[in-house]
């Protein structure tokens, strides 16, 4: 990921089983631990766990991004979004 603007970026991760987001080689978000995050209250069909973290990024710097997802049974649901005040992507 190469930000087009410098500043704080919020990363949002939702997974029904287990997902981990590594950013810049460091674990940023982890839905695998049962004692962190909040349950998704608007997810009727796919209940799961939501995680959010905010970090400050520099404009034009390439950051390695890796998302690992694990599904135990059923349909796999894993969503990653990031946003700033002006940019939204997924």
N, C-alpha and C. Protein backbone atom coordinates (compact mmCIF):
# COMPACT_ATOMS: atom_id res chain seq x y z
N UNK A 1 0.85 -1.16 0.00
CA UNK A 1 0.00 0.00 0.00
C UNK A 1 0.90 1.23 0.00
N UNK A 2 0.58 2.19 -0.88
CA UNK A 2 1.32 3.44 -0.93
C UNK A 2 0.33 4.60 -0.76
N UNK A 3 0.29 5.21 0.42
CA UNK A 3 -0.67 6.28 0.68
C UNK A 3 -0.47 7.48 -0.26
N UNK A 4 -1.58 8.06 -0.68
CA UNK A 4 -1.54 9.25 -1.51
C UNK A 4 -1.53 10.53 -0.66
N UNK A 5 -1.82 10.38 0.62
CA UNK A 5 -1.80 11.50 1.56
C UNK A 5 -1.16 11.04 2.86
N UNK A 6 -0.46 11.94 3.53
CA UNK A 6 0.10 11.64 4.84
C UNK A 6 -0.97 11.86 5.91
N UNK A 7 -0.86 11.11 7.00
CA UNK A 7 -1.78 11.32 8.11
C UNK A 7 -2.28 10.02 8.69
N UNK A 8 -3.27 10.10 9.57
CA UNK A 8 -3.82 8.90 10.20
C UNK A 8 -4.70 8.11 9.24
N UNK A 9 -4.51 6.80 9.24
CA UNK A 9 -5.34 5.88 8.46
C UNK A 9 -5.96 4.89 9.43
N UNK A 10 -7.26 4.68 9.29
CA UNK A 10 -7.97 3.70 10.10
C UNK A 10 -8.13 2.42 9.29
N UNK A 11 -7.77 1.31 9.89
CA UNK A 11 -7.92 0.00 9.27
C UNK A 11 -9.02 -0.76 9.99
N UNK A 12 -9.94 -1.33 9.22
CA UNK A 12 -11.11 -2.03 9.76
C UNK A 12 -11.07 -3.46 9.24
N UNK A 13 -11.12 -4.42 10.14
CA UNK A 13 -11.06 -5.84 9.77
C UNK A 13 -12.26 -6.56 10.36
N UNK A 14 -12.99 -7.29 9.51
CA UNK A 14 -14.09 -8.13 9.96
C UNK A 14 -13.87 -9.54 9.45
N UNK A 15 -14.00 -10.52 10.32
CA UNK A 15 -13.87 -11.92 9.92
C UNK A 15 -14.81 -12.77 10.77
N UNK A 16 -15.41 -13.77 10.16
CA UNK A 16 -16.31 -14.64 10.92
C UNK A 16 -15.55 -15.74 11.66
N UNK A 17 -14.34 -16.01 11.26
CA UNK A 17 -13.56 -17.00 12.00
C UNK A 17 -12.25 -16.36 12.49
N UNK A 18 -11.26 -16.31 11.65
CA UNK A 18 -9.96 -15.84 12.11
C UNK A 18 -9.25 -15.10 10.98
N UNK A 19 -8.75 -13.89 11.29
CA UNK A 19 -7.99 -13.12 10.31
C UNK A 19 -6.94 -12.28 11.05
N UNK A 20 -5.80 -12.12 10.40
CA UNK A 20 -4.72 -11.31 10.95
C UNK A 20 -4.19 -10.39 9.86
N UNK A 21 -4.04 -9.11 10.19
CA UNK A 21 -3.50 -8.14 9.26
C UNK A 21 -2.10 -7.74 9.72
N UNK A 22 -1.12 -7.96 8.84
CA UNK A 22 0.25 -7.52 9.07
C UNK A 22 0.49 -6.29 8.23
N UNK A 23 1.01 -5.24 8.85
CA UNK A 23 1.25 -3.98 8.15
C UNK A 23 2.68 -3.55 8.43
N UNK A 24 3.46 -3.39 7.38
CA UNK A 24 4.86 -3.03 7.57
C UNK A 24 5.64 -4.10 8.32
N UNK A 25 5.21 -5.36 8.18
CA UNK A 25 5.89 -6.47 8.83
C UNK A 25 5.47 -6.71 10.28
N UNK A 26 4.59 -5.87 10.82
CA UNK A 26 4.12 -6.01 12.20
C UNK A 26 2.64 -6.37 12.22
N UNK A 27 2.25 -7.17 13.22
CA UNK A 27 0.83 -7.51 13.36
C UNK A 27 0.08 -6.27 13.84
N UNK A 28 -0.89 -5.84 13.03
CA UNK A 28 -1.67 -4.65 13.36
C UNK A 28 -3.03 -5.03 13.94
N UNK A 29 -3.70 -5.99 13.32
CA UNK A 29 -5.03 -6.43 13.77
C UNK A 29 -5.08 -7.95 13.79
N UNK A 30 -5.80 -8.49 14.80
CA UNK A 30 -5.88 -9.94 14.93
C UNK A 30 -7.27 -10.30 15.46
N UNK A 31 -8.06 -10.99 14.67
CA UNK A 31 -9.39 -11.41 15.11
C UNK A 31 -9.38 -12.84 15.66
N UNK A 32 -8.21 -13.44 15.78
CA UNK A 32 -8.12 -14.83 16.23
C UNK A 32 -8.27 -14.97 17.75
N UNK A 33 -7.91 -13.93 18.49
CA UNK A 33 -8.03 -13.98 19.95
C UNK A 33 -9.47 -13.68 20.35
N UNK A 34 -10.03 -14.52 21.19
CA UNK A 34 -11.44 -14.39 21.57
C UNK A 34 -11.69 -13.23 22.53
N UNK A 35 -10.67 -12.73 23.18
CA UNK A 35 -10.88 -11.73 24.23
C UNK A 35 -10.67 -10.29 23.76
N UNK A 36 -10.52 -10.05 22.45
CA UNK A 36 -10.34 -8.69 21.94
C UNK A 36 -11.36 -8.37 20.87
N UNK A 37 -11.58 -7.11 20.61
CA UNK A 37 -12.54 -6.71 19.58
C UNK A 37 -13.96 -6.72 20.11
N UNK A 38 -14.89 -6.46 19.22
CA UNK A 38 -16.30 -6.44 19.58
C UNK A 38 -17.07 -7.31 18.61
N UNK A 39 -18.16 -7.87 19.07
CA UNK A 39 -19.02 -8.65 18.19
C UNK A 39 -19.72 -7.73 17.19
N UNK A 40 -19.98 -8.23 16.02
CA UNK A 40 -20.65 -7.44 14.98
C UNK A 40 -22.15 -7.49 15.23
N UNK A 41 -22.73 -6.35 15.61
CA UNK A 41 -24.15 -6.33 15.96
C UNK A 41 -25.06 -6.26 14.74
N UNK A 42 -24.54 -5.87 13.58
CA UNK A 42 -25.35 -5.75 12.37
C UNK A 42 -25.19 -6.94 11.42
N UNK A 43 -24.60 -8.01 11.89
CA UNK A 43 -24.28 -9.14 11.01
C UNK A 43 -25.23 -10.30 11.32
N UNK A 44 -26.37 -10.33 10.66
CA UNK A 44 -27.35 -11.38 10.91
C UNK A 44 -26.90 -12.70 10.27
N UNK A 45 -26.45 -12.65 9.03
CA UNK A 45 -26.10 -13.86 8.30
C UNK A 45 -24.71 -14.36 8.66
N UNK A 46 -23.78 -13.45 8.90
CA UNK A 46 -22.40 -13.82 9.18
C UNK A 46 -21.92 -13.17 10.46
N UNK A 47 -22.25 -13.74 11.61
CA UNK A 47 -21.72 -13.17 12.85
C UNK A 47 -20.20 -13.32 12.88
N UNK A 48 -19.52 -12.38 13.47
CA UNK A 48 -18.07 -12.45 13.51
C UNK A 48 -17.49 -11.40 14.43
N UNK A 49 -16.22 -11.09 14.23
CA UNK A 49 -15.52 -10.15 15.08
C UNK A 49 -14.98 -8.99 14.25
N UNK A 50 -15.10 -7.80 14.79
CA UNK A 50 -14.66 -6.58 14.14
C UNK A 50 -13.47 -6.01 14.92
N UNK A 51 -12.45 -5.58 14.20
CA UNK A 51 -11.26 -4.95 14.81
C UNK A 51 -10.97 -3.65 14.08
N UNK A 52 -10.41 -2.68 14.80
CA UNK A 52 -10.07 -1.39 14.20
C UNK A 52 -8.78 -0.89 14.83
N UNK A 53 -7.93 -0.31 14.00
CA UNK A 53 -6.68 0.30 14.49
C UNK A 53 -6.38 1.52 13.61
N UNK A 54 -5.78 2.53 14.20
CA UNK A 54 -5.41 3.73 13.46
C UNK A 54 -3.91 3.94 13.59
N UNK A 55 -3.25 4.19 12.45
CA UNK A 55 -1.82 4.47 12.45
C UNK A 55 -1.55 5.64 11.51
N UNK A 56 -0.46 6.34 11.76
CA UNK A 56 -0.07 7.48 10.93
C UNK A 56 0.89 7.01 9.85
N UNK A 57 0.58 7.35 8.60
CA UNK A 57 1.39 6.93 7.45
C UNK A 57 1.95 8.15 6.73
N UNK A 58 3.03 7.93 6.01
CA UNK A 58 3.68 8.98 5.23
C UNK A 58 3.27 8.88 3.76
N UNK A 59 3.09 10.00 3.12
CA UNK A 59 2.72 10.05 1.71
C UNK A 59 3.83 9.47 0.84
N UNK A 60 3.46 8.61 -0.10
CA UNK A 60 4.40 8.07 -1.08
C UNK A 60 5.29 6.95 -0.60
N UNK A 61 5.19 6.56 0.66
CA UNK A 61 5.99 5.46 1.19
C UNK A 61 5.23 4.15 0.97
N UNK A 62 5.89 3.14 0.40
CA UNK A 62 5.26 1.84 0.16
C UNK A 62 5.33 1.00 1.44
N UNK A 63 4.17 0.61 1.95
CA UNK A 63 4.08 -0.23 3.15
C UNK A 63 3.61 -1.62 2.75
N UNK A 64 4.33 -2.68 3.14
CA UNK A 64 3.85 -4.04 2.85
C UNK A 64 2.60 -4.34 3.67
N UNK A 65 1.63 -4.95 3.03
CA UNK A 65 0.35 -5.28 3.64
C UNK A 65 0.08 -6.75 3.38
N UNK A 66 -0.21 -7.52 4.44
CA UNK A 66 -0.51 -8.94 4.29
C UNK A 66 -1.72 -9.29 5.15
N UNK A 67 -2.72 -9.90 4.54
CA UNK A 67 -3.92 -10.33 5.25
C UNK A 67 -4.00 -11.85 5.19
N UNK A 68 -4.06 -12.47 6.35
CA UNK A 68 -4.20 -13.92 6.45
C UNK A 68 -5.58 -14.23 7.01
N UNK A 69 -6.34 -15.09 6.32
CA UNK A 69 -7.68 -15.47 6.77
C UNK A 69 -7.76 -16.98 6.92
N UNK A 70 -8.53 -17.42 7.92
CA UNK A 70 -8.71 -18.84 8.18
C UNK A 70 -10.19 -19.12 8.38
N UNK A 71 -10.71 -20.12 7.70
CA UNK A 71 -12.11 -20.50 7.80
C UNK A 71 -12.19 -21.92 8.36
N UNK A 72 -13.04 -22.12 9.40
CA UNK A 72 -13.18 -23.45 9.97
C UNK A 72 -14.25 -24.27 9.27
N UNK A 73 -15.42 -23.66 9.05
CA UNK A 73 -16.52 -24.38 8.41
C UNK A 73 -17.50 -23.35 7.84
N UNK A 74 -18.19 -23.71 6.78
CA UNK A 74 -19.19 -22.81 6.21
C UNK A 74 -18.59 -21.79 5.27
N UNK A 75 -19.33 -20.71 5.07
CA UNK A 75 -18.89 -19.65 4.16
C UNK A 75 -17.79 -18.81 4.80
N UNK A 76 -16.81 -18.46 4.01
CA UNK A 76 -15.71 -17.62 4.49
C UNK A 76 -16.09 -16.15 4.34
N UNK A 77 -15.92 -15.39 5.42
CA UNK A 77 -16.15 -13.95 5.38
C UNK A 77 -14.93 -13.26 5.98
N UNK A 78 -14.29 -12.43 5.18
CA UNK A 78 -13.12 -11.68 5.63
C UNK A 78 -13.10 -10.37 4.85
N UNK A 79 -13.25 -9.25 5.56
CA UNK A 79 -13.31 -7.95 4.90
C UNK A 79 -12.29 -7.01 5.53
N UNK A 80 -11.57 -6.30 4.68
CA UNK A 80 -10.61 -5.30 5.12
C UNK A 80 -10.92 -3.99 4.43
N UNK A 81 -11.04 -2.93 5.21
CA UNK A 81 -11.25 -1.58 4.69
C UNK A 81 -10.25 -0.66 5.36
N UNK A 82 -9.83 0.38 4.65
CA UNK A 82 -9.04 1.41 5.29
C UNK A 82 -9.57 2.76 4.84
N UNK A 83 -9.38 3.75 5.69
CA UNK A 83 -9.93 5.06 5.38
C UNK A 83 -9.13 6.17 6.04
N UNK A 84 -9.24 7.34 5.44
CA UNK A 84 -8.78 8.59 6.03
C UNK A 84 -9.98 9.52 5.98
N UNK A 85 -9.77 10.78 6.26
CA UNK A 85 -10.86 11.72 6.14
C UNK A 85 -11.29 11.95 4.71
N UNK A 86 -10.40 11.64 3.72
CA UNK A 86 -10.70 11.93 2.33
C UNK A 86 -10.71 10.70 1.43
N UNK A 87 -10.12 9.59 1.87
CA UNK A 87 -9.95 8.42 1.01
C UNK A 87 -10.62 7.22 1.67
N UNK A 88 -11.37 6.44 0.89
CA UNK A 88 -11.93 5.18 1.39
C UNK A 88 -11.65 4.10 0.35
N UNK A 89 -11.13 2.98 0.80
CA UNK A 89 -10.80 1.89 -0.11
C UNK A 89 -11.12 0.57 0.56
N UNK A 90 -11.25 -0.49 -0.25
CA UNK A 90 -11.39 -1.84 0.31
C UNK A 90 -10.92 -2.86 -0.65
